[in-house]
Amino acid sequence: MGEYGDFGRRFCRMLRNNGVAGVTGVDPTLGLLDSARRRDPLGTYVEAFAEKLPFKSESFDLAISYLSMIDIPDVETAIPEMARVLKPGADCRSPI
């Protein structure tokens, strides 16, 4: 499960605390990632832009971009990139 954006720091913790395994938070802002890592030392947080995710194709069962599309400079590149890292039949959620 991969998640992109500011809400991810809290959202990733919430998912892990509810038994969801393999949660990865992604954000391009090192300061926000540092904060997430301090609050959740066991979590996995990766510095990256949604337009160029550092993951193999078909790596995730679910991708969530929660309230962050407005902050992504090149949404037309980011959406196919999120789809690229999803396994066949997986889901991408992006409430905006």
C-alpha atoms as a PDB file:
ATOM      1  CA  MET A   1       0.000   0.000   0.000  1.00  0.00           C
ATOM      2  CA  GLY A   2       1.490   3.317  -0.983  1.00  0.00           C
ATOM      3  CA  GLU A   3       0.344   6.761   0.026  1.00  0.00           C
ATOM      4  CA  TYR A   4       1.438  10.180  -1.240  1.00  0.00           C
ATOM      5  CA  GLY A   5       1.122  13.560   0.411  1.00  0.00           C
ATOM      6  CA  ASP A   6       0.970  15.496   3.652  1.00  0.00           C
ATOM      7  CA  PHE A   7      -1.855  13.477   5.195  1.00  0.00           C
ATOM      8  CA  GLY A   8       0.253  10.347   4.751  1.00  0.00           C
ATOM      9  CA  ARG A   9       2.196  10.758   7.929  1.00  0.00           C
ATOM     10  CA  ARG A  10      -0.957  10.338   9.999  1.00  0.00           C
ATOM     11  CA  PHE A  11      -2.746   8.113   7.513  1.00  0.00           C
ATOM     12  CA  CYS A  12       0.131   5.629   7.323  1.00  0.00           C
ATOM     13  CA  ARG A  13       0.230   5.318  11.103  1.00  0.00           C
ATOM     14  CA  MET A  14      -3.536   4.828  11.221  1.00  0.00           C
ATOM     15  CA  LEU A  15      -3.397   2.036   8.636  1.00  0.00           C
ATOM     16  CA  ARG A  16      -0.515   0.264  10.345  1.00  0.00           C
ATOM     17  CA  ASN A  17      -2.246   0.555  13.725  1.00  0.00           C
ATOM     18  CA  ASN A  18      -5.263  -1.164  12.167  1.00  0.00           C
ATOM     19  CA  GLY A  19      -3.257  -4.124  10.920  1.00  0.00           C
ATOM     20  CA  VAL A  20      -2.504  -3.069   7.338  1.00  0.00           C
ATOM     21  CA  ALA A  21       0.954  -4.353   6.425  1.00  0.00           C
ATOM     22  CA  GLY A  22       3.412  -2.923   3.932  1.00  0.00           C
ATOM     23  CA  VAL A  23       2.357   0.718   4.189  1.00  0.00           C
ATOM     24  CA  THR A  24       4.737   3.210   2.540  1.00  0.00           C
ATOM     25  CA  GLY A  25       4.380   6.975   2.843  1.00  0.00           C
ATOM     26  CA  VAL A  26       5.786   9.222   0.117  1.00  0.00           C
ATOM     27  CA  ASP A  27       6.373  12.958   0.290  1.00  0.00           C
ATOM     28  CA  PRO A  28       8.787  15.296  -1.516  1.00  0.00           C
ATOM     29  CA  THR A  29       9.418  17.380   1.605  1.00  0.00           C
ATOM     30  CA  LEU A  30      12.259  16.133   3.789  1.00  0.00           C
ATOM     31  CA  GLY A  31      11.115  18.145   6.821  1.00  0.00           C
ATOM     32  CA  LEU A  32       7.683  16.534   6.756  1.00  0.00           C
ATOM     33  CA  LEU A  33       9.233  13.102   6.322  1.00  0.00           C
ATOM     34  CA  ASP A  34      11.545  13.734   9.281  1.00  0.00           C
ATOM     35  CA  SER A  35       8.504  14.617  11.379  1.00  0.00           C
ATOM     36  CA  ALA A  36       6.719  11.439  10.256  1.00  0.00           C
ATOM     37  CA  ARG A  37       9.768   9.319  11.081  1.00  0.00           C
ATOM     38  CA  ARG A  38      10.023  10.833  14.562  1.00  0.00           C
ATOM     39  CA  ARG A  39       6.352  10.116  15.254  1.00  0.00           C
ATOM     40  CA  ASP A  40       6.491   6.677  13.665  1.00  0.00           C
ATOM     41  CA  PRO A  41      10.006   5.202  13.831  1.00  0.00           C
ATOM     42  CA  LEU A  42       8.765   1.821  12.568  1.00  0.00           C
ATOM     43  CA  GLY A  43       7.071   3.313   9.501  1.00  0.00           C
ATOM     44  CA  THR A  44       8.429   3.396   5.971  1.00  0.00           C
ATOM     45  CA  TYR A  45       8.659   6.905   4.541  1.00  0.00           C
ATOM     46  CA  VAL A  46      10.284   7.743   1.201  1.00  0.00           C
ATOM     47  CA  GLU A  47      11.312  11.118  -0.183  1.00  0.00           C
ATOM     48  CA  ALA A  48      10.013  11.314  -3.744  1.00  0.00           C
ATOM     49  CA  PHE A  49       7.786  13.213  -6.114  1.00  0.00           C
ATOM     50  CA  ALA A  50       4.543  11.647  -7.345  1.00  0.00           C
ATOM     51  CA  GLU A  51       5.703  12.275 -10.893  1.00  0.00           C
ATOM     52  CA  LYS A  52       8.679   9.915 -10.465  1.00  0.00           C
ATOM     53  CA  LEU A  53       8.086   7.233  -7.848  1.00  0.00           C
ATOM     54  CA  PRO A  54      11.150   5.147  -6.901  1.00  0.00           C
ATOM     55  CA  PHE A  55       9.307   1.829  -6.909  1.00  0.00           C
ATOM     56  CA  LYS A  56       9.169  -1.103  -9.296  1.00  0.00           C
ATOM     57  CA  SER A  57       6.128  -1.416 -11.510  1.00  0.00           C
ATOM     58  CA  GLU A  58       3.277  -3.432 -10.027  1.00  0.00           C
ATOM     59  CA  SER A  59       4.544  -3.064  -6.432  1.00  0.00           C
ATOM     60  CA  PHE A  60       1.420  -1.981  -4.538  1.00  0.00           C
ATOM     61  CA  ASP A  61      -2.132  -3.208  -3.922  1.00  0.00           C
ATOM     62  CA  LEU A  62      -3.446   0.304  -3.292  1.00  0.00           C
ATOM     63  CA  ALA A  63      -2.298   3.865  -3.881  1.00  0.00           C
ATOM     64  CA  ILE A  64      -3.811   6.814  -2.046  1.00  0.00           C
ATOM     65  CA  SER A  65      -3.163  10.469  -2.737  1.00  0.00           C
ATOM     66  CA  TYR A  66      -5.169  12.184  -0.033  1.00  0.00           C
ATOM     67  CA  LEU A  67      -5.816  15.894  -0.594  1.00  0.00           C
ATOM     68  CA  SER A  68      -2.485  16.314  -2.347  1.00  0.00           C
ATOM     69  CA  MET A  69      -3.277  16.445  -6.075  1.00  0.00           C
ATOM     70  CA  ILE A  70      -3.576  20.220  -5.821  1.00  0.00           C
ATOM     71  CA  ASP A  71       0.071  20.357  -4.671  1.00  0.00           C
ATOM     72  CA  ILE A  72       1.502  18.118  -7.400  1.00  0.00           C
ATOM     73  CA  PRO A  73       3.048  20.327 -10.109  1.00  0.00           C
ATOM     74  CA  ASP A  74       2.510  17.846 -12.980  1.00  0.00           C
ATOM     75  CA  VAL A  75      -0.648  15.864 -12.252  1.00  0.00           C
ATOM     76  CA  GLU A  76      -0.798  14.594 -15.832  1.00  0.00           C
ATOM     77  CA  THR A  77       2.480  12.743 -15.196  1.00  0.00           C
ATOM     78  CA  ALA A  78       1.745  11.777 -11.577  1.00  0.00           C
ATOM     79  CA  ILE A  79      -1.498   9.890 -12.223  1.00  0.00           C
ATOM     80  CA  PRO A  80      -0.020   7.416 -14.741  1.00  0.00           C
ATOM     81  CA  GLU A  81       3.019   7.072 -12.473  1.00  0.00           C
ATOM     82  CA  MET A  82       0.762   6.052  -9.564  1.00  0.00           C
ATOM     83  CA  ALA A  83      -0.959   3.583 -11.873  1.00  0.00           C
ATOM     84  CA  ARG A  84       2.420   2.169 -12.938  1.00  0.00           C
ATOM     85  CA  VAL A  85       3.314   1.076  -9.392  1.00  0.00           C
ATOM     86  CA  LEU A  86      -0.035  -0.659  -8.863  1.00  0.00           C
ATOM     87  CA  LYS A  87      -0.482  -4.392  -9.302  1.00  0.00           C
ATOM     88  CA  PRO A  88      -3.035  -5.492 -11.922  1.00  0.00           C
ATOM     89  CA  GLY A  89      -6.527  -4.984 -10.533  1.00  0.00           C
ATOM     90  CA  ALA A  90      -5.278  -2.739  -7.716  1.00  0.00           C
ATOM     91  CA  ASP A  91      -6.986   0.513  -6.791  1.00  0.00           C
ATOM     92  CA  CYS A  92      -5.922   4.163  -6.784  1.00  0.00           C
ATOM     93  CA  ARG A  93      -7.833   6.570  -4.545  1.00  0.00           C
ATOM     94  CA  SER A  94      -7.454  10.309  -4.680  1.00  0.00           C
ATOM     95  CA  PRO A  95     -10.058  12.334  -2.834  1.00  0.00           C
ATOM     96  CA  ILE A  96      -9.349  15.960  -3.709  1.00  0.00           C
END
